């Protein structure tokens, strides 16, 4: 296939892929429905109620959650100071339970038997 034909096919496929996304908003129409006449008219909402529901309550909840998350570290007195070394013991997650010294004492049979046993990506189990 020549370069010009490939370019035409690519552009045609792009246009075909974008057509539903562009046509759908043009075809759709809003739902025109009225509420039942037996329903009472809605009361007007004041500016304070509007601000309270949309801004003040969510902001207050965010501040409360942040405060509740920050209080335990404030009570312990832990402070982060940039440039200082870590003050606690080293932690090895998933390592030996006896500590770093136990890692040097353990035998390595899995490494030695890796030459005889096959598995993984070679698909020879």
C-alpha atoms as a PDB file:
ATOM      1  CA  UNK A   1       0.000   0.000   0.000  1.00  0.00           C
ATOM      2  CA  UNK A   2       1.442   3.349  -0.932  1.00  0.00           C
ATOM      3  CA  UNK A   3       2.084   6.104   1.576  1.00  0.00           C
ATOM      4  CA  UNK A   4      -0.738   8.246   0.174  1.00  0.00           C
ATOM      5  CA  UNK A   5      -3.273   5.407   0.431  1.00  0.00           C
ATOM      6  CA  UNK A   6      -2.234   4.642   4.005  1.00  0.00           C
ATOM      7  CA  UNK A   7      -2.675   8.305   4.947  1.00  0.00           C
ATOM      8  CA  UNK A   8      -6.147   8.408   3.376  1.00  0.00           C
ATOM      9  CA  UNK A   9      -7.186   5.230   5.173  1.00  0.00           C
ATOM     10  CA  UNK A  10      -5.895   6.579   8.504  1.00  0.00           C
ATOM     11  CA  UNK A  11      -7.791   9.859   8.113  1.00  0.00           C
ATOM     12  CA  UNK A  12     -10.953   8.035   7.083  1.00  0.00           C
ATOM     13  CA  UNK A  13     -10.781   5.785  10.139  1.00  0.00           C
ATOM     14  CA  UNK A  14     -10.271   8.800  12.414  1.00  0.00           C
ATOM     15  CA  UNK A  15     -13.277  10.556  10.902  1.00  0.00           C
ATOM     16  CA  UNK A  16     -15.353   7.394  11.253  1.00  0.00           C
ATOM     17  CA  UNK A  17     -14.332   7.001  14.908  1.00  0.00           C
ATOM     18  CA  UNK A  18     -15.134  10.626  15.770  1.00  0.00           C
ATOM     19  CA  UNK A  19     -18.483  10.783  13.956  1.00  0.00           C
ATOM     20  CA  UNK A  20     -20.604   9.174  16.730  1.00  0.00           C
ATOM     21  CA  UNK A  21     -19.027  11.382  19.388  1.00  0.00           C
ATOM     22  CA  UNK A  22     -19.794  14.517  17.388  1.00  0.00           C
ATOM     23  CA  UNK A  23     -23.261  13.457  16.208  1.00  0.00           C
ATOM     24  CA  UNK A  24     -24.637  12.322  19.560  1.00  0.00           C
ATOM     25  CA  UNK A  25     -24.963  15.803  21.127  1.00  0.00           C
ATOM     26  CA  UNK A  26     -26.633  17.066  17.962  1.00  0.00           C
ATOM     27  CA  UNK A  27     -29.215  14.274  17.910  1.00  0.00           C
ATOM     28  CA  UNK A  28     -30.069  14.254  21.604  1.00  0.00           C
ATOM     29  CA  UNK A  29     -32.820  16.527  22.898  1.00  0.00           C
ATOM     30  CA  UNK A  30     -33.554  17.704  26.413  1.00  0.00           C
ATOM     31  CA  UNK A  31     -36.368  16.093  28.338  1.00  0.00           C
ATOM     32  CA  UNK A  32     -39.252  18.528  28.545  1.00  0.00           C
ATOM     33  CA  UNK A  33     -41.263  17.542  31.565  1.00  0.00           C
ATOM     34  CA  UNK A  34     -43.122  19.659  34.052  1.00  0.00           C
ATOM     35  CA  UNK A  35     -43.597  18.788  37.702  1.00  0.00           C
ATOM     36  CA  UNK A  36     -47.068  17.710  38.752  1.00  0.00           C
ATOM     37  CA  UNK A  37     -49.402  20.577  39.611  1.00  0.00           C
ATOM     38  CA  UNK A  38     -50.163  19.063  43.026  1.00  0.00           C
ATOM     39  CA  UNK A  39     -46.596  19.703  44.176  1.00  0.00           C
ATOM     40  CA  UNK A  40     -46.094  22.883  46.178  1.00  0.00           C
ATOM     41  CA  UNK A  41     -43.869  25.628  44.824  1.00  0.00           C
ATOM     42  CA  UNK A  42     -40.326  25.580  46.144  1.00  0.00           C
ATOM     43  CA  UNK A  43     -39.388  28.185  48.707  1.00  0.00           C
ATOM     44  CA  UNK A  44     -36.720  30.719  47.855  1.00  0.00           C
ATOM     45  CA  UNK A  45     -33.294  29.908  49.258  1.00  0.00           C
ATOM     46  CA  UNK A  46     -31.473  32.693  51.041  1.00  0.00           C
ATOM     47  CA  UNK A  47     -27.855  33.643  50.409  1.00  0.00           C
ATOM     48  CA  UNK A  48     -26.744  32.440  53.849  1.00  0.00           C
ATOM     49  CA  UNK A  49     -28.383  29.032  53.347  1.00  0.00           C
ATOM     50  CA  UNK A  50     -26.723  28.762  49.930  1.00  0.00           C
ATOM     51  CA  UNK A  51     -23.287  29.592  51.323  1.00  0.00           C
ATOM     52  CA  UNK A  52     -23.807  27.336  54.318  1.00  0.00           C
ATOM     53  CA  UNK A  53     -24.688  24.240  52.306  1.00  0.00           C
ATOM     54  CA  UNK A  54     -22.242  24.661  49.443  1.00  0.00           C
ATOM     55  CA  UNK A  55     -19.178  26.182  51.131  1.00  0.00           C
ATOM     56  CA  UNK A  56     -19.207  26.457  54.916  1.00  0.00           C
ATOM     57  CA  UNK A  57     -20.263  22.893  55.819  1.00  0.00           C
ATOM     58  CA  UNK A  58     -17.820  21.161  53.389  1.00  0.00           C
ATOM     59  CA  UNK A  59     -14.983  23.459  54.441  1.00  0.00           C
ATOM     60  CA  UNK A  60     -15.749  22.803  58.110  1.00  0.00           C
ATOM     61  CA  UNK A  61     -15.782  19.045  57.536  1.00  0.00           C
ATOM     62  CA  UNK A  62     -12.460  19.206  55.676  1.00  0.00           C
ATOM     63  CA  UNK A  63     -10.892  21.190  58.515  1.00  0.00           C
ATOM     64  CA  UNK A  64     -12.300  18.779  61.110  1.00  0.00           C
ATOM     65  CA  UNK A  65     -10.914  15.740  59.271  1.00  0.00           C
ATOM     66  CA  UNK A  66      -7.522  17.427  58.858  1.00  0.00           C
ATOM     67  CA  UNK A  67      -7.471  18.307  62.549  1.00  0.00           C
ATOM     68  CA  UNK A  68      -8.397  14.760  63.579  1.00  0.00           C
ATOM     69  CA  UNK A  69      -5.605  13.396  61.381  1.00  0.00           C
ATOM     70  CA  UNK A  70      -3.051  15.858  62.767  1.00  0.00           C
ATOM     71  CA  UNK A  71      -3.922  15.631  66.501  1.00  0.00           C
ATOM     72  CA  UNK A  72      -2.109  12.307  67.227  1.00  0.00           C
ATOM     73  CA  UNK A  73       1.216  13.563  65.923  1.00  0.00           C
ATOM     74  CA  UNK A  74       0.724  16.855  67.768  1.00  0.00           C
ATOM     75  CA  UNK A  75       0.108  14.927  71.004  1.00  0.00           C
ATOM     76  CA  UNK A  76       3.271  12.810  70.556  1.00  0.00           C
ATOM     77  CA  UNK A  77       5.315  15.874  69.769  1.00  0.00           C
ATOM     78  CA  UNK A  78       6.876  14.464  66.617  1.00  0.00           C
ATOM     79  CA  UNK A  79       8.312  17.123  64.414  1.00  0.00           C
ATOM     80  CA  UNK A  80       9.770  16.721  60.971  1.00  0.00           C
ATOM     81  CA  UNK A  81      12.929  18.713  60.455  1.00  0.00           C
ATOM     82  CA  UNK A  82      14.417  18.709  56.972  1.00  0.00           C
ATOM     83  CA  UNK A  83      18.062  17.733  56.731  1.00  0.00           C
ATOM     84  CA  UNK A  84      18.149  15.606  59.894  1.00  0.00           C
ATOM     85  CA  UNK A  85      18.944  11.906  59.773  1.00  0.00           C
ATOM     86  CA  UNK A  86      16.354   9.268  60.622  1.00  0.00           C
ATOM     87  CA  UNK A  87      16.285   8.862  64.404  1.00  0.00           C
ATOM     88  CA  UNK A  88      14.743   5.404  64.727  1.00  0.00           C
ATOM     89  CA  UNK A  89      16.017   1.903  63.925  1.00  0.00           C
ATOM     90  CA  UNK A  90      16.105   0.700  60.340  1.00  0.00           C
ATOM     91  CA  UNK A  91      13.055  -1.271  59.263  1.00  0.00           C
ATOM     92  CA  UNK A  92      13.105  -4.110  56.758  1.00  0.00           C
ATOM     93  CA  UNK A  93       9.566  -4.955  55.700  1.00  0.00           C
ATOM     94  CA  UNK A  94       9.268  -8.619  54.822  1.00  0.00           C
ATOM     95  CA  UNK A  95      12.765  -9.363  56.096  1.00  0.00           C
ATOM     96  CA  UNK A  96      13.802 -11.818  58.796  1.00  0.00           C
ATOM     97  CA  UNK A  97      12.103 -11.336  62.135  1.00  0.00           C
ATOM     98  CA  UNK A  98      15.388 -11.650  64.033  1.00  0.00           C
ATOM     99  CA  UNK A  99      16.899  -8.594  62.369  1.00  0.00           C
ATOM    100  CA  UNK A 100      19.600  -7.805  59.861  1.00  0.00           C
ATOM    101  CA  UNK A 101      22.154 -10.089  61.508  1.00  0.00           C
ATOM    102  CA  UNK A 102      19.911 -13.105  60.818  1.00  0.00           C
ATOM    103  CA  UNK A 103      19.985 -12.382  57.095  1.00  0.00           C
ATOM    104  CA  UNK A 104      23.742 -13.045  56.978  1.00  0.00           C
ATOM    105  CA  UNK A 105      23.393 -16.359  58.867  1.00  0.00           C
ATOM    106  CA  UNK A 106      20.707 -17.898  56.649  1.00  0.00           C
ATOM    107  CA  UNK A 107      21.587 -20.481  54.027  1.00  0.00           C
ATOM    108  CA  UNK A 108      20.790 -19.859  50.378  1.00  0.00           C
ATOM    109  CA  UNK A 109      19.485 -23.181  48.992  1.00  0.00           C
ATOM    110  CA  UNK A 110      17.128 -21.457  46.547  1.00  0.00           C
ATOM    111  CA  UNK A 111      20.000 -19.751  44.753  1.00  0.00           C
ATOM    112  CA  UNK A 112      22.015 -22.957  44.435  1.00  0.00           C
ATOM    113  CA  UNK A 113      19.081 -25.033  43.177  1.00  0.00           C
ATOM    114  CA  UNK A 114      18.065 -22.417  40.602  1.00  0.00           C
ATOM    115  CA  UNK A 115      20.427 -24.001  38.078  1.00  0.00           C
ATOM    116  CA  UNK A 116      18.648 -27.374  38.214  1.00  0.00           C
ATOM    117  CA  UNK A 117      15.035 -26.267  38.466  1.00  0.00           C
ATOM    118  CA  UNK A 118      13.503 -24.250  35.702  1.00  0.00           C
ATOM    119  CA  UNK A 119      10.395 -22.179  35.762  1.00  0.00           C
ATOM    120  CA  UNK A 120       9.056 -18.747  35.168  1.00  0.00           C
ATOM    121  CA  UNK A 121       9.219 -17.395  31.637  1.00  0.00           C
ATOM    122  CA  UNK A 122      11.002 -20.478  30.287  1.00  0.00           C
ATOM    123  CA  UNK A 123       7.768 -22.460  30.769  1.00  0.00           C
ATOM    124  CA  UNK A 124       9.678 -25.558  31.871  1.00  0.00           C
ATOM    125  CA  UNK A 125       8.479 -26.483  35.300  1.00  0.00           C
END
